[in-house]
């Protein structure tokens, strides 16, 4: 497992990037602070090689998984997350049958009313 930490010169922006095992296989995960009170987690470049799914035959099905989630904190309190916006995309393609593929896309928005 490889972990890369990058801190850019601007103290308001930071990136943590690493490869880790997820339910989708070994994936590249990136967590970044876009600007004050806004954070993003991205998952992509997953390798579905039987780490989690032992029924998968390597090379028979081509997989592509991507996820992007944005967390927005409450401006009055640093601990409260008040908005979560997420997008996921999973693509499955057959290497045997050219016409067979499945694309699933989801979008998720959750606005949380802060407790005052």
Protein backbone atom coordinates (compact mmCIF):
# COMPACT_ATOMS: atom_id res chain seq x y z
CA UNK A 1 0.00 0.00 0.00
CA UNK A 2 1.44 3.36 -1.02
CA UNK A 3 0.55 6.64 0.66
CA UNK A 4 1.45 10.06 -0.66
CA UNK A 5 1.01 13.19 1.45
CA UNK A 6 1.24 16.57 -0.23
CA UNK A 7 0.97 19.91 1.50
CA UNK A 8 1.01 22.79 -0.90
CA UNK A 9 2.37 26.22 0.02
CA UNK A 10 -1.13 27.60 0.57
CA UNK A 11 -2.15 26.57 4.09
CA UNK A 12 -5.86 26.57 3.12
CA UNK A 13 -5.40 23.75 0.59
CA UNK A 14 -4.10 20.25 1.28
CA UNK A 15 -4.23 16.84 -0.41
CA UNK A 16 -3.95 13.33 0.99
CA UNK A 17 -3.59 10.73 -1.75
CA UNK A 18 -3.18 6.98 -1.24
CA UNK A 19 -4.01 3.51 -2.57
CA UNK A 20 -6.17 1.43 -0.25
CA UNK A 21 -8.32 -1.68 -0.28
CA UNK A 22 -12.04 -0.85 -0.48
CA UNK A 23 -15.14 -3.00 -1.12
CA UNK A 24 -14.53 -2.22 -4.81
CA UNK A 25 -10.95 -3.55 -4.83
CA UNK A 26 -7.69 -1.66 -4.49
CA UNK A 27 -8.47 1.97 -5.36
CA UNK A 28 -6.76 5.32 -5.56
CA UNK A 29 -8.31 7.56 -2.88
CA UNK A 30 -7.77 11.29 -2.68
CA UNK A 31 -8.98 13.61 0.07
CA UNK A 32 -8.57 17.34 -0.46
CA UNK A 33 -9.59 20.63 1.07
CA UNK A 34 -10.84 22.73 -1.84
CA UNK A 35 -11.26 25.90 0.18
CA UNK A 36 -12.28 26.87 3.68
CA UNK A 37 -15.13 24.66 4.97
CA UNK A 38 -15.29 22.54 1.76
CA UNK A 39 -13.67 19.09 1.45
CA UNK A 40 -13.73 16.46 -1.34
CA UNK A 41 -13.10 12.70 -1.35
CA UNK A 42 -12.48 11.04 -4.71
CA UNK A 43 -12.10 7.31 -5.43
CA UNK A 44 -11.04 6.00 -8.85
CA UNK A 45 -8.58 3.73 -10.68
CA UNK A 46 -9.91 0.64 -8.87
CA UNK A 47 -8.36 -2.76 -9.59
CA UNK A 48 -11.01 -5.49 -9.46
CA UNK A 49 -8.62 -8.41 -9.30
CA UNK A 50 -10.28 -10.71 -6.76
CA UNK A 51 -9.10 -8.99 -3.57
CA UNK A 52 -12.71 -8.64 -2.39
CA UNK A 53 -14.72 -10.52 -5.04
CA UNK A 54 -13.36 -14.05 -5.36
CA UNK A 55 -15.93 -14.95 -8.06
CA UNK A 56 -14.43 -12.40 -10.46
CA UNK A 57 -12.46 -13.86 -13.38
CA UNK A 58 -9.65 -11.47 -14.23
CA UNK A 59 -10.07 -9.98 -17.72
CA UNK A 60 -13.57 -11.38 -18.35
CA UNK A 61 -15.36 -8.22 -17.26
CA UNK A 62 -13.91 -4.73 -17.49
CA UNK A 63 -14.73 -2.53 -14.51
CA UNK A 64 -14.54 1.21 -14.00
CA UNK A 65 -15.62 2.79 -10.71
CA UNK A 66 -15.48 6.48 -9.79
CA UNK A 67 -16.79 8.34 -6.77
CA UNK A 68 -16.67 12.00 -5.79
CA UNK A 69 -18.14 13.32 -2.53
CA UNK A 70 -18.10 16.95 -1.39
CA UNK A 71 -18.57 17.82 2.31
CA UNK A 72 -19.48 21.38 3.31
CA UNK A 73 -19.06 22.48 6.93
CA UNK A 74 -21.26 24.88 8.83
CA UNK A 75 -19.77 28.38 8.76
CA UNK A 76 -20.63 28.93 12.44
CA UNK A 77 -19.27 25.66 13.86
CA UNK A 78 -16.23 23.78 12.53
CA UNK A 79 -17.50 20.37 13.62
CA UNK A 80 -20.84 20.33 11.79
CA UNK A 81 -21.18 18.98 8.25
CA UNK A 82 -24.32 20.59 6.79
CA UNK A 83 -24.23 19.48 3.16
CA UNK A 84 -23.05 16.31 1.43
CA UNK A 85 -23.09 15.98 -2.36
CA UNK A 86 -21.95 12.76 -3.99
CA UNK A 87 -21.67 11.23 -7.44
CA UNK A 88 -20.85 7.61 -8.28
CA UNK A 89 -20.38 5.89 -11.61
CA UNK A 90 -19.87 2.16 -12.21
CA UNK A 91 -19.26 0.79 -15.70
CA UNK A 92 -19.17 -2.94 -16.45
CA UNK A 93 -18.23 -4.19 -19.92
CA UNK A 94 -17.81 -7.68 -21.31
CA UNK A 95 -14.57 -8.55 -23.06
CA UNK A 96 -16.40 -11.41 -24.87
CA UNK A 97 -19.66 -9.76 -26.02
CA UNK A 98 -19.02 -6.27 -27.45
CA UNK A 99 -22.67 -5.14 -27.15
CA UNK A 100 -22.97 -5.97 -23.45
CA UNK A 101 -22.34 -3.21 -20.93
CA UNK A 102 -23.94 -1.76 -17.85
CA UNK A 103 -23.57 1.82 -16.67
CA UNK A 104 -24.92 2.90 -13.28
CA UNK A 105 -24.76 6.54 -12.23
CA UNK A 106 -26.02 7.94 -8.94
CA UNK A 107 -26.15 11.43 -7.48
CA UNK A 108 -26.73 12.07 -3.82
CA UNK A 109 -27.51 15.36 -2.08
CA UNK A 110 -28.12 15.54 1.66
CA UNK A 111 -28.71 18.87 3.34
CA UNK A 112 -28.54 18.57 7.11
CA UNK A 113 -30.28 21.22 9.19
CA UNK A 114 -27.76 22.38 11.80
CA UNK A 115 -28.78 22.30 15.46
CA UNK A 116 -28.58 25.80 16.93
